[in-house]
């Protein structure tokens, strides 16, 4: 009877973890293999299965927590992230989730101890233990191969199922354990793609280009929620081009969106190294948006809402061609970094950033590229950052749309950002009326809070919805005369830099021209696109030295900005 109950518990654990029959065989084989391993320690099959089921419940629960906060399931290469600042970040940002994980871990540990003390079964001889282990190992290998290996889990990485089998597949994937001094692309062909010819400029006057990454901002209309005119004008400007933007991340990891926009590559292409690209990628990317603009005569600048020592930002941005890098501990008075970090207000940060930008361009006729990184709307949204008495009507409007105080705080911050930009845009346009400017806004990822919205609105499941933010392109003072106003195509963030060049009427070298030719095939989802041309394009980039997958090159050497010659 005891063994029957144990088997029933094991079946329940696997069912809840998988929520699908697609890879059920691998999940069951993995549980059986872990039970065979535990059998060497506990001697009886009942306790081994029960402990293996508890272990499966623990890792599946951890995977669900990761999915809730990142949109992706747990795999073995995530484990080193615990030593890269992820755990402290979780403790600060999501204390309730951490408390739930700790409580669940304590409960499972207690259940494991109780199993060892009070559950008894018939001992299994060592010879039988060896036989069971060999049979379980053979079954695990067979299930892995029949199921297609780890690669079949890439297309369903963002789907709410197969939590146990995805982790098991990653454990069996040799690439998870392979150490390398370089970077590896997982979507690269063996043959190169001939590059397209360069595209000449459509304008004689190169406009300033300002790209603003708006932290954790998405369009509420993605979830069927209304917006007011001021917010609508920010997300979808009447005289601009705007649309839905696909990104690689959910809930955090903003630097991965920054990487994709500036290099034209998906961070997901680098697998487990995606999180570490700002450290391991220094000196490895020799073709980027800032490098190309610098070759056209642009002054390149970064304004970051983080301090200079954050995540190797200074070294990475220097390596990809941004020469002037300003962080919050660099802004002159009256801006004060510690005061700003109490709220990360967009009003305070954007005012300081645009003031510094206007000072630089006042006596300099060279075109400018400015990349701005904000941090105002990052979660958690349980904290009220918008000052009392400000944007209260907007907060009430949001709460009436969906009675969630977290969404009301998100919307109030968004309203402050929209109002701030509207004012600063008018100042820029008036003070430099003879200087054309192209402004690109986009959201780097959605906040975790959107999980609550999705549940409250009872929306049909859509694994791609959580990876949609927004982009908007505005032209000031006659920039981009060819800009077509209105809703544009859905874009993947890897194409946004190329689209900015096209909208500005700037020339494209062979790499940007070839990337632009991929828009029709891969424009909406770059990494998920199965295009062979894209994979061959990556091979060309590697062979021409645009991506250094072998080892970092010397930073002091001027990076290559034109790949017009083989």
Protein backbone atom coordinates (compact mmCIF):
# COMPACT_ATOMS: atom_id res chain seq x y z
CA UNK A 1 0.00 0.00 0.00
CA UNK A 2 2.85 2.38 0.87
CA UNK A 3 4.50 1.82 -2.50
CA UNK A 4 1.21 2.54 -4.29
CA UNK A 5 0.90 5.87 -2.48
CA UNK A 6 4.52 6.72 -3.32
CA UNK A 7 3.94 5.97 -7.00
CA UNK A 8 0.78 8.09 -6.94
CA UNK A 9 2.80 10.98 -5.48
CA UNK A 10 5.47 10.55 -8.18
CA UNK A 11 2.84 10.60 -10.91
CA UNK A 12 1.30 13.76 -9.44
CA UNK A 13 4.69 15.52 -9.27
CA UNK A 14 5.56 14.70 -12.90
CA UNK A 15 2.09 15.72 -14.08
CA UNK A 16 2.24 19.10 -12.36
CA UNK A 17 5.80 19.70 -13.52
CA UNK A 18 5.19 18.81 -17.17
CA UNK A 19 1.60 19.96 -17.84
CA UNK A 20 2.06 18.28 -21.23
CA UNK A 21 2.66 14.84 -22.73
CA UNK A 22 5.13 16.18 -25.32
CA UNK A 23 8.25 15.21 -23.35
CA UNK A 24 6.71 13.09 -20.64
CA UNK A 25 9.03 10.17 -21.42
CA UNK A 26 12.14 12.21 -20.66
CA UNK A 27 10.64 13.52 -17.41
CA UNK A 28 9.76 10.01 -16.23
CA UNK A 29 13.17 8.66 -17.30
CA UNK A 30 14.89 11.47 -15.40
CA UNK A 31 12.92 10.74 -12.25
CA UNK A 32 13.70 7.03 -12.54
CA UNK A 33 17.40 7.75 -12.98
CA UNK A 34 17.53 10.00 -9.92
CA UNK A 35 15.69 7.27 -7.97
CA UNK A 36 18.30 4.73 -9.14
CA UNK A 37 21.07 7.02 -7.90
CA UNK A 38 19.37 7.55 -4.54
CA UNK A 39 18.87 3.80 -4.20
CA UNK A 40 22.61 3.46 -3.55
CA UNK A 41 22.14 5.64 -0.45
CA UNK A 42 18.81 4.44 1.00
CA UNK A 43 18.73 0.74 0.01
CA UNK A 44 14.98 0.43 -0.66
CA UNK A 45 13.07 1.34 -3.78
CA UNK A 46 10.13 3.05 -2.05
CA UNK A 47 12.22 5.66 -0.26
CA UNK A 48 14.36 6.20 -3.35
CA UNK A 49 11.30 6.97 -5.51
CA UNK A 50 9.81 9.23 -2.82
CA UNK A 51 13.03 11.22 -2.40
CA UNK A 52 13.47 11.45 -6.18
CA UNK A 53 9.92 12.78 -6.45
CA UNK A 54 10.64 15.41 -3.79
CA UNK A 55 13.77 16.44 -5.68
CA UNK A 56 11.73 16.69 -8.90
CA UNK A 57 9.15 18.82 -7.07
CA UNK A 58 11.89 21.12 -5.77
CA UNK A 59 13.58 21.74 -9.12
CA UNK A 60 10.25 22.10 -10.91
CA UNK A 61 9.11 24.61 -8.31
CA UNK A 62 12.34 26.57 -8.77
CA UNK A 63 11.76 26.50 -12.52
CA UNK A 64 8.23 27.85 -12.08
CA UNK A 65 9.59 30.70 -9.92
CA UNK A 66 12.20 31.52 -12.55
CA UNK A 67 9.56 31.38 -15.28
CA UNK A 68 7.30 33.74 -13.33
CA UNK A 69 10.07 36.32 -13.03
CA UNK A 70 11.96 35.88 -16.30
CA UNK A 71 9.55 34.24 -18.76
CA UNK A 72 11.95 31.31 -19.27
CA UNK A 73 12.32 27.92 -17.59
CA UNK A 74 15.21 26.82 -15.37
CA UNK A 75 18.13 25.06 -17.08
CA UNK A 76 21.45 23.91 -15.70
CA UNK A 77 23.42 26.86 -17.09
CA UNK A 78 21.32 29.19 -14.92
CA UNK A 79 22.92 27.80 -11.78
CA UNK A 80 26.14 29.88 -12.06
CA UNK A 81 23.94 33.00 -12.03
CA UNK A 82 23.46 32.43 -8.31
CA UNK A 83 27.09 33.55 -7.99
CA UNK A 84 26.69 36.50 -10.37
CA UNK A 85 24.39 38.73 -8.31
CA UNK A 86 21.05 37.13 -9.13
CA UNK A 87 20.23 35.93 -5.61
CA UNK A 88 20.93 39.28 -3.89
CA UNK A 89 18.89 40.99 -6.62
CA UNK A 90 15.96 38.65 -5.98
CA UNK A 91 16.12 39.22 -2.23
CA UNK A 92 15.92 42.98 -2.68
CA UNK A 93 13.44 43.13 -5.55
CA UNK A 94 11.12 40.18 -4.81
CA UNK A 95 11.22 39.42 -1.06
CA UNK A 96 7.85 37.62 -1.05
CA UNK A 97 8.93 35.23 -3.81
CA UNK A 98 12.19 34.55 -1.97
CA UNK A 99 10.25 33.87 1.23
CA UNK A 100 8.03 31.40 -0.63
CA UNK A 101 11.08 29.59 -2.05
CA UNK A 102 12.75 29.40 1.35
CA UNK A 103 9.54 28.12 2.97
CA UNK A 104 9.11 25.52 0.24
CA UNK A 105 12.72 24.43 0.58
CA UNK A 106 12.36 24.03 4.34
CA UNK A 107 9.16 22.03 3.90
CA UNK A 108 10.75 19.68 1.36
CA UNK A 109 13.86 19.28 3.52
CA UNK A 110 11.64 18.36 6.46
CA UNK A 111 9.74 15.87 4.32
CA UNK A 112 13.03 14.34 3.17
CA UNK A 113 14.25 13.91 6.74
CA UNK A 114 10.91 12.36 7.73
CA UNK A 115 11.18 9.97 4.79
CA UNK A 116 14.61 8.81 5.90
CA UNK A 117 13.47 8.34 9.50
CA UNK A 118 10.02 6.85 9.19
CA UNK A 119 9.49 5.31 5.74
CA UNK A 120 10.76 1.76 5.65
CA UNK A 121 10.86 -0.75 2.80
CA UNK A 122 12.48 -3.98 1.82
CA UNK A 123 16.26 -3.67 1.19
CA UNK A 124 17.52 -4.11 -2.38
CA UNK A 125 20.76 -6.01 -2.86
CA UNK A 126 23.76 -4.20 -4.31
CA UNK A 127 23.67 -6.40 -7.42
CA UNK A 128 20.08 -5.34 -8.08
CA UNK A 129 21.00 -1.71 -7.40
CA UNK A 130 23.64 -1.90 -10.13
CA UNK A 131 21.19 -3.53 -12.55
CA UNK A 132 18.51 -0.91 -11.84
CA UNK A 133 21.03 1.90 -12.29
CA UNK A 134 22.20 0.55 -15.67
CA UNK A 135 18.61 0.09 -16.86
CA UNK A 136 17.64 3.61 -15.70
CA UNK A 137 20.70 5.14 -17.39
CA UNK A 138 19.92 3.34 -20.65
CA UNK A 139 16.30 4.50 -20.46
CA UNK A 140 17.36 8.09 -19.82
CA UNK A 141 19.76 8.15 -22.78
CA UNK A 142 17.16 6.54 -25.04
CA UNK A 143 14.44 9.01 -23.98
CA UNK A 144 16.81 11.93 -24.58
CA UNK A 145 17.76 10.78 -28.07
CA UNK A 146 14.24 9.78 -29.11
CA UNK A 147 12.92 13.12 -27.87
CA UNK A 148 15.38 15.06 -30.03
CA UNK A 149 17.83 16.25 -27.39
CA UNK A 150 18.13 19.68 -25.80
CA UNK A 151 17.59 21.55 -29.09
CA UNK A 152 13.86 20.72 -29.19
CA UNK A 153 13.33 22.73 -26.01
CA UNK A 154 14.53 26.03 -27.51
CA UNK A 155 11.27 26.77 -29.36
CA UNK A 156 9.21 26.11 -26.19
CA UNK A 157 11.53 27.88 -23.74
CA UNK A 158 8.89 30.55 -23.15
CA UNK A 159 5.94 28.16 -22.80
CA UNK A 160 4.41 27.28 -19.44
CA UNK A 161 5.06 23.54 -19.61
CA UNK A 162 7.80 20.86 -19.54
CA UNK A 163 9.52 22.34 -16.47
CA UNK A 164 11.14 19.05 -15.41
CA UNK A 165 12.06 17.67 -18.83
CA UNK A 166 13.63 20.99 -19.92
CA UNK A 167 16.00 20.91 -16.96
CA UNK A 168 16.84 17.24 -17.51
CA UNK A 169 17.58 17.89 -21.20
CA UNK A 170 19.91 20.75 -20.29
CA UNK A 171 21.72 18.48 -17.81
CA UNK A 172 22.34 15.97 -20.60
CA UNK A 173 23.40 18.57 -23.16
CA UNK A 174 27.23 18.48 -23.55
CA UNK A 175 27.23 22.20 -24.38
CA UNK A 176 26.04 22.93 -20.84
CA UNK A 177 29.31 21.64 -19.43
CA UNK A 178 31.74 22.60 -22.16
CA UNK A 179 34.17 25.28 -21.02
CA UNK A 180 35.41 27.70 -23.66
CA UNK A 181 37.50 30.82 -23.73
CA UNK A 182 35.37 32.27 -26.52
CA UNK A 183 31.74 32.80 -27.43
CA UNK A 184 29.59 30.37 -29.38
CA UNK A 185 26.53 31.12 -31.48
CA UNK A 186 23.84 28.47 -31.46
CA UNK A 187 22.19 29.68 -34.70
CA UNK A 188 25.03 29.67 -37.20
CA UNK A 189 25.38 27.79 -40.50
CA UNK A 190 28.49 26.13 -41.90
CA UNK A 191 28.40 28.19 -45.12
CA UNK A 192 28.72 31.96 -45.36
CA UNK A 193 26.25 34.34 -46.98
CA UNK A 194 27.44 36.83 -49.61
CA UNK A 195 26.78 40.33 -48.27
CA UNK A 196 24.48 42.79 -49.99
CA UNK A 197 26.02 45.86 -51.68
CA UNK A 198 26.18 49.05 -49.58
CA UNK A 199 23.21 51.44 -49.70
CA UNK A 200 23.97 55.14 -50.27
CA UNK A 201 22.57 57.92 -48.06
CA UNK A 202 19.26 59.56 -48.94
CA UNK A 203 20.19 62.84 -47.27
CA UNK A 204 23.10 65.27 -47.25
CA UNK A 205 22.43 66.39 -43.69
CA UNK A 206 22.93 63.68 -41.11
CA UNK A 207 20.46 64.10 -38.21
CA UNK A 208 21.31 63.72 -34.54
CA UNK A 209 20.10 60.34 -33.32
CA UNK A 210 18.84 59.95 -29.76
CA UNK A 211 17.91 56.44 -28.61
CA UNK A 212 16.16 56.17 -25.23
CA UNK A 213 15.71 52.83 -23.52
CA UNK A 214 12.73 53.13 -21.17
CA UNK A 215 13.15 50.69 -18.32
CA UNK A 216 10.35 48.09 -18.01
CA UNK A 217 7.89 50.08 -20.14
CA UNK A 218 5.34 48.27 -22.28
CA UNK A 219 2.17 49.43 -23.99
CA UNK A 220 -0.82 48.68 -21.70
CA UNK A 221 -2.92 48.19 -24.83
CA UNK A 222 -1.03 44.92 -25.31
CA UNK A 223 -3.19 43.65 -22.45
CA UNK A 224 -6.36 45.39 -23.61
CA UNK A 225 -6.02 48.27 -21.13
CA UNK A 226 -6.84 51.85 -22.17
CA UNK A 227 -4.38 54.76 -22.06
CA UNK A 228 -4.91 58.51 -21.82
CA UNK A 229 -3.98 60.94 -24.61
CA UNK A 230 -0.66 61.98 -23.03
CA UNK A 231 0.53 58.40 -22.64
CA UNK A 232 -0.79 57.48 -26.10
CA UNK A 233 1.18 60.37 -27.65
CA UNK A 234 4.33 58.99 -26.03
CA UNK A 235 3.82 55.35 -27.03
CA UNK A 236 2.43 56.08 -30.49
CA UNK A 237 3.28 59.67 -31.55
CA UNK A 238 0.89 61.11 -34.11
CA UNK A 239 3.67 62.19 -36.47
CA UNK A 240 5.98 59.27 -35.79
CA UNK A 241 6.33 55.60 -36.58
CA UNK A 242 5.54 53.11 -33.81
CA UNK A 243 4.77 49.48 -33.17
CA UNK A 244 5.27 46.32 -31.13
CA UNK A 245 8.83 45.30 -30.22
CA UNK A 246 9.91 41.73 -29.53
CA UNK A 247 12.70 41.38 -26.93
CA UNK A 248 14.64 38.39 -25.58
CA UNK A 249 13.94 38.94 -21.87
CA UNK A 250 11.20 39.35 -19.29
CA UNK A 251 11.38 40.94 -15.84
CA UNK A 252 15.09 41.89 -15.92
CA UNK A 253 18.42 41.68 -17.74
CA UNK A 254 18.10 45.06 -19.48
CA UNK A 255 21.66 44.84 -20.84
CA UNK A 256 20.56 42.02 -23.15
CA UNK A 257 18.17 44.40 -24.92
CA UNK A 258 20.91 47.04 -25.05
CA UNK A 259 23.26 44.50 -26.59
CA UNK A 260 20.75 43.47 -29.27
CA UNK A 261 19.94 47.00 -30.35
CA UNK A 262 23.57 48.08 -30.62
CA UNK A 263 25.04 44.95 -32.24
CA UNK A 264 22.07 43.81 -34.37
CA UNK A 265 22.30 40.35 -32.80
CA UNK A 266 20.07 38.42 -30.43
CA UNK A 267 21.54 37.87 -26.98
CA UNK A 268 19.77 34.49 -27.03
CA UNK A 269 22.09 33.37 -29.84
CA UNK A 270 24.88 33.11 -27.26
CA UNK A 271 23.04 30.65 -25.02
CA UNK A 272 24.27 30.55 -21.44
CA UNK A 273 26.64 33.47 -22.15
CA UNK A 274 23.70 35.84 -22.82
CA UNK A 275 23.72 37.04 -19.22
CA UNK A 276 27.49 37.66 -19.28
CA UNK A 277 27.88 39.41 -22.65
CA UNK A 278 28.86 42.74 -21.11
CA UNK A 279 31.80 41.02 -19.42
CA UNK A 280 32.78 38.18 -21.74
CA UNK A 281 31.92 40.13 -24.88
CA UNK A 282 34.31 43.05 -24.34
CA UNK A 283 36.48 43.37 -27.44
CA UNK A 284 34.64 40.63 -29.35
CA UNK A 285 32.13 42.69 -31.36
CA UNK A 286 33.75 44.74 -34.10
CA UNK A 287 30.68 45.89 -35.96
CA UNK A 288 28.04 47.89 -34.11
CA UNK A 289 25.68 50.82 -34.51
CA UNK A 290 27.99 53.25 -32.62
CA UNK A 291 31.07 52.14 -34.58
CA UNK A 292 29.30 52.64 -37.90
CA UNK A 293 27.96 56.06 -36.88
CA UNK A 294 31.43 57.08 -35.67
CA UNK A 295 32.82 56.17 -39.09
CA UNK A 296 30.23 58.56 -40.59
CA UNK A 297 31.48 61.43 -38.43
CA UNK A 298 29.12 61.13 -35.48
CA UNK A 299 30.10 61.93 -31.92
CA UNK A 300 28.90 58.97 -29.82
CA UNK A 301 27.71 59.24 -26.21
CA UNK A 302 26.06 57.18 -23.46
CA UNK A 303 24.01 58.51 -20.54
CA UNK A 304 23.29 55.77 -17.99
CA UNK A 305 21.07 55.88 -14.91
CA UNK A 306 23.52 53.48 -13.22
CA UNK A 307 26.87 54.21 -11.59
CA UNK A 308 30.06 53.71 -13.54
CA UNK A 309 30.97 50.45 -11.79
CA UNK A 310 27.71 48.70 -12.76
CA UNK A 311 28.16 45.38 -14.59
CA UNK A 312 31.24 46.30 -16.64
CA UNK A 313 29.20 48.87 -18.60
CA UNK A 314 32.08 51.31 -19.04
CA UNK A 315 34.43 48.77 -20.66
CA UNK A 316 31.78 47.20 -22.90
CA UNK A 317 30.41 50.48 -24.25
CA UNK A 318 33.93 51.79 -24.87
CA UNK A 319 34.72 48.62 -26.85
CA UNK A 320 31.71 48.95 -29.17
CA UNK A 321 32.43 52.55 -30.08
CA UNK A 322 30.77 54.89 -27.54
CA UNK A 323 33.45 57.42 -26.72
CA UNK A 324 31.69 59.74 -24.24
CA UNK A 325 30.18 57.76 -21.34
CA UNK A 326 28.34 59.56 -18.53
CA UNK A 327 27.01 57.74 -15.46
CA UNK A 328 25.01 59.02 -12.51
CA UNK A 329 28.18 59.61 -10.50
CA UNK A 330 29.48 61.85 -13.34
CA UNK A 331 26.64 64.36 -13.75
CA UNK A 332 27.47 67.84 -12.44
CA UNK A 333 25.47 69.60 -9.71
CA UNK A 334 22.65 70.18 -9.05
CA UNK A 335 22.23 66.49 -10.00
CA UNK A 336 23.12 64.30 -7.03
CA UNK A 337 23.41 60.54 -7.53
CA UNK A 338 22.31 59.41 -4.05
CA UNK A 339 19.26 61.67 -4.17
CA UNK A 340 18.37 60.38 -7.63
CA UNK A 341 18.69 56.74 -6.53
CA UNK A 342 15.88 57.20 -4.00
CA UNK A 343 13.37 57.10 -6.87
CA UNK A 344 15.34 56.92 -10.18
CA UNK A 345 12.93 59.58 -11.42
CA UNK A 346 12.84 59.98 -15.20
CA UNK A 347 12.07 63.67 -14.72
CA UNK A 348 15.31 64.18 -12.81
CA UNK A 349 17.44 61.94 -15.02
CA UNK A 350 16.13 62.97 -18.45
CA UNK A 351 16.37 66.66 -17.55
CA UNK A 352 20.04 66.25 -16.57
CA UNK A 353 20.76 64.11 -19.64
CA UNK A 354 19.13 66.42 -22.18
CA UNK A 355 20.70 69.50 -20.53
CA UNK A 356 24.17 67.93 -20.88
CA UNK A 357 23.37 66.94 -24.48
CA UNK A 358 22.26 70.47 -25.39
CA UNK A 359 25.41 71.91 -23.85
CA UNK A 360 27.56 69.60 -26.00
CA UNK A 361 25.82 70.37 -29.30
CA UNK A 362 25.49 74.12 -28.78
CA UNK A 363 28.86 74.87 -30.37
CA UNK A 364 29.48 71.63 -32.28
CA UNK A 365 28.09 71.08 -35.76
CA UNK A 366 29.02 67.39 -35.89
CA UNK A 367 26.05 65.02 -35.75
CA UNK A 368 25.50 63.27 -32.41
CA UNK A 369 24.45 59.78 -31.36
CA UNK A 370 23.16 59.65 -27.78
CA UNK A 371 22.12 56.40 -26.10
CA UNK A 372 20.09 56.95 -22.92
CA UNK A 373 19.36 54.27 -20.31
CA UNK A 374 16.62 55.04 -17.78
CA UNK A 375 15.62 53.07 -14.67
CA UNK A 376 12.43 54.67 -13.32
CA UNK A 377 9.85 51.98 -14.03
CA UNK A 378 11.78 48.96 -12.79
CA UNK A 379 9.90 46.82 -10.29
CA UNK A 380 8.80 46.15 -7.72
CA UNK A 381 5.76 48.37 -8.22
CA UNK A 382 4.59 47.90 -4.65
CA UNK A 383 6.77 50.92 -3.80
CA UNK A 384 5.32 54.36 -4.50
CA UNK A 385 7.98 56.38 -6.30
CA UNK A 386 5.83 59.08 -7.89
CA UNK A 387 5.64 62.00 -5.45
CA UNK A 388 2.32 62.38 -3.57
CA UNK A 389 0.01 64.84 -5.28
CA UNK A 390 1.52 64.18 -8.69
CA UNK A 391 -0.26 62.23 -11.44
CA UNK A 392 -3.05 61.22 -9.07
CA UNK A 393 -5.70 61.39 -11.79
CA UNK A 394 -3.56 59.09 -13.96
CA UNK A 395 -3.18 56.69 -11.04
CA UNK A 396 -6.96 56.68 -10.54
CA UNK A 397 -7.50 56.12 -14.27
CA UNK A 398 -5.24 53.07 -14.22
CA UNK A 399 -6.85 51.66 -11.09
CA UNK A 400 -10.28 52.02 -12.68
CA UNK A 401 -9.01 50.03 -15.68
CA UNK A 402 -7.85 47.15 -13.48
CA UNK A 403 -8.00 47.37 -9.67
CA UNK A 404 -4.35 46.59 -9.03
CA UNK A 405 -2.23 49.10 -7.07
CA UNK A 406 0.93 47.75 -8.71
CA UNK A 407 -0.40 48.60 -12.17
CA UNK A 408 -1.58 52.00 -10.92
CA UNK A 409 1.98 52.75 -9.76
CA UNK A 410 3.39 51.54 -13.09
CA UNK A 411 1.00 53.79 -15.02
CA UNK A 412 1.72 56.81 -12.81
CA UNK A 413 5.45 56.42 -13.48
CA UNK A 414 4.73 56.02 -17.20
CA UNK A 415 2.64 59.19 -17.15
CA UNK A 416 5.51 61.10 -15.51
CA UNK A 417 7.90 59.82 -18.19
CA UNK A 418 5.50 60.82 -20.98
CA UNK A 419 4.97 64.32 -19.57
CA UNK A 420 8.71 64.82 -19.03
CA UNK A 421 9.56 63.80 -22.58
CA UNK A 422 6.83 65.96 -24.08
CA UNK A 423 8.30 69.00 -22.33
CA UNK A 424 11.93 68.19 -23.17
CA UNK A 425 11.06 67.44 -26.80
CA UNK A 426 9.53 70.90 -27.17
CA UNK A 427 12.65 72.50 -25.68
CA UNK A 428 14.97 70.56 -28.00
CA UNK A 429 12.92 71.39 -31.09
CA UNK A 430 12.70 75.10 -30.23
CA UNK A 431 16.29 75.67 -29.11
CA UNK A 432 17.86 73.81 -32.06
CA UNK A 433 15.29 74.41 -34.79
CA UNK A 434 18.01 74.26 -37.47
CA UNK A 435 19.30 70.89 -36.28
CA UNK A 436 17.39 67.77 -37.45
CA UNK A 437 16.99 65.01 -34.87
CA UNK A 438 15.67 61.46 -34.95
CA UNK A 439 14.50 60.08 -31.60
CA UNK A 440 13.94 56.36 -31.00
CA UNK A 441 12.12 55.20 -27.85
CA UNK A 442 11.71 51.58 -26.81
CA UNK A 443 10.98 49.37 -23.81
CA UNK A 444 13.71 46.94 -22.79
CA UNK A 445 11.39 44.32 -21.23
CA UNK A 446 8.11 43.97 -19.37
CA UNK A 447 7.97 44.12 -15.56
CA UNK A 448 7.00 41.02 -13.59
CA UNK A 449 3.81 42.85 -12.63
CA UNK A 450 2.28 42.05 -16.04
CA UNK A 451 1.72 38.46 -14.86
CA UNK A 452 -0.94 39.85 -12.53
CA UNK A 453 -2.52 41.87 -15.32
CA UNK A 454 -2.69 38.83 -17.59
CA UNK A 455 -4.43 36.82 -14.87
CA UNK A 456 -6.85 39.63 -13.92
CA UNK A 457 -7.80 40.25 -17.55
CA UNK A 458 -8.22 36.50 -18.15
CA UNK A 459 -6.38 36.66 -21.44
CA UNK A 460 -5.85 33.60 -23.57
CA UNK A 461 -2.35 32.08 -23.16
CA UNK A 462 0.24 33.60 -25.47
CA UNK A 463 3.89 32.82 -24.65
CA UNK A 464 5.10 35.65 -26.89
CA UNK A 465 2.96 38.34 -25.22
CA UNK A 466 5.32 38.63 -22.25
CA UNK A 467 8.21 39.51 -24.60
CA UNK A 468 6.42 42.41 -26.34
CA UNK A 469 7.22 46.00 -25.49
CA UNK A 470 7.03 49.04 -27.77
CA UNK A 471 9.08 51.22 -30.07
CA UNK A 472 8.41 54.72 -31.38
CA UNK A 473 10.42 56.85 -33.82
CA UNK A 474 9.99 60.63 -33.90
CA UNK A 475 11.54 63.14 -36.29
CA UNK A 476 12.28 66.68 -35.07
CA UNK A 477 13.15 69.72 -37.16
CA UNK A 478 12.79 68.09 -40.56
CA UNK A 479 14.79 64.94 -39.84
CA UNK A 480 13.86 61.85 -41.84
CA UNK A 481 11.58 63.45 -44.43
CA UNK A 482 10.78 59.93 -45.62
CA UNK A 483 9.42 58.84 -42.22
CA UNK A 484 6.03 57.18 -42.73
CA UNK A 485 3.82 58.12 -39.78
CA UNK A 486 1.50 55.62 -38.16
CA UNK A 487 1.70 52.05 -36.95
CA UNK A 488 4.67 50.25 -38.41
CA UNK A 489 5.53 46.58 -38.61
CA UNK A 490 6.20 44.52 -35.51
CA UNK A 491 9.96 44.47 -34.98
CA UNK A 492 12.52 42.40 -33.17
CA UNK A 493 14.93 44.53 -31.16
CA UNK A 494 17.89 43.18 -33.16
CA UNK A 495 16.55 45.18 -36.14
CA UNK A 496 15.78 48.44 -34.33
CA UNK A 497 19.22 49.96 -34.90
CA UNK A 498 19.06 49.14 -38.61
CA UNK A 499 15.56 50.63 -38.85
CA UNK A 500 16.85 53.81 -37.17
CA UNK A 501 19.52 54.13 -39.89
CA UNK A 502 16.90 53.58 -42.59
CA UNK A 503 14.54 56.17 -41.09
CA UNK A 504 17.38 58.67 -40.76
CA UNK A 505 18.29 58.23 -44.43
CA UNK A 506 21.89 57.31 -43.56
CA UNK A 507 24.11 55.07 -45.69
CA UNK A 508 24.30 51.35 -44.92
CA UNK A 509 27.47 49.32 -45.23
CA UNK A 510 27.34 45.72 -46.45
CA UNK A 511 26.51 44.32 -43.01
CA UNK A 512 23.64 46.71 -42.29
CA UNK A 513 22.35 46.30 -45.85
CA UNK A 514 22.33 42.52 -45.45
CA UNK A 515 20.64 42.75 -42.06
CA UNK A 516 17.99 45.00 -43.60
CA UNK A 517 17.40 42.35 -46.27
CA UNK A 518 16.44 39.91 -43.49
CA UNK A 519 13.58 42.09 -42.27
CA UNK A 520 10.93 40.35 -44.36
CA UNK A 521 11.98 36.91 -43.10
CA UNK A 522 12.92 37.62 -39.49
CA UNK A 523 11.69 41.12 -38.74
CA UNK A 524 9.29 40.17 -35.95
CA UNK A 525 11.34 37.53 -34.11
CA UNK A 526 15.03 37.36 -34.93
CA UNK A 527 16.30 34.51 -32.73
CA UNK A 528 13.23 32.32 -33.24
CA UNK A 529 13.42 32.78 -37.01
CA UNK A 530 14.55 29.57 -38.71
CA UNK A 531 15.88 31.39 -41.79
CA UNK A 532 18.95 29.73 -43.29
CA UNK A 533 20.00 33.14 -44.65
CA UNK A 534 20.17 34.46 -41.09
CA UNK A 535 22.32 31.52 -40.00
CA UNK A 536 24.64 31.98 -42.98
CA UNK A 537 24.79 35.71 -42.24
CA UNK A 538 26.11 34.86 -38.79
CA UNK A 539 28.78 32.65 -40.35
CA UNK A 540 29.86 35.56 -42.53
CA UNK A 541 30.09 37.89 -39.52
CA UNK A 542 32.31 35.40 -37.72
CA UNK A 543 34.58 34.71 -40.68
CA UNK A 544 34.99 38.42 -41.43
CA UNK A 545 35.91 39.24 -37.83
CA UNK A 546 32.76 41.19 -36.92
CA UNK A 547 32.25 38.68 -34.09
CA UNK A 548 35.33 37.28 -32.38
CA UNK A 549 34.28 33.87 -31.07
CA UNK A 550 37.82 32.67 -30.38
CA UNK A 551 39.24 35.27 -28.02
CA UNK A 552 39.02 38.93 -27.13
CA UNK A 553 41.16 41.28 -29.16
CA UNK A 554 43.20 44.15 -27.79
CA UNK A 555 40.87 47.00 -26.85
CA UNK A 556 43.46 49.66 -27.63
CA UNK A 557 43.44 48.81 -31.34
CA UNK A 558 40.81 50.76 -33.27
CA UNK A 559 37.99 48.26 -34.05
CA UNK A 560 37.07 47.57 -37.65
CA UNK A 561 33.98 49.54 -38.70
CA UNK A 562 33.69 48.61 -42.35
CA UNK A 563 33.63 45.08 -43.70
CA UNK A 564 33.52 46.01 -47.36
CA UNK A 565 36.57 43.87 -48.15
CA UNK A 566 36.99 40.17 -47.54
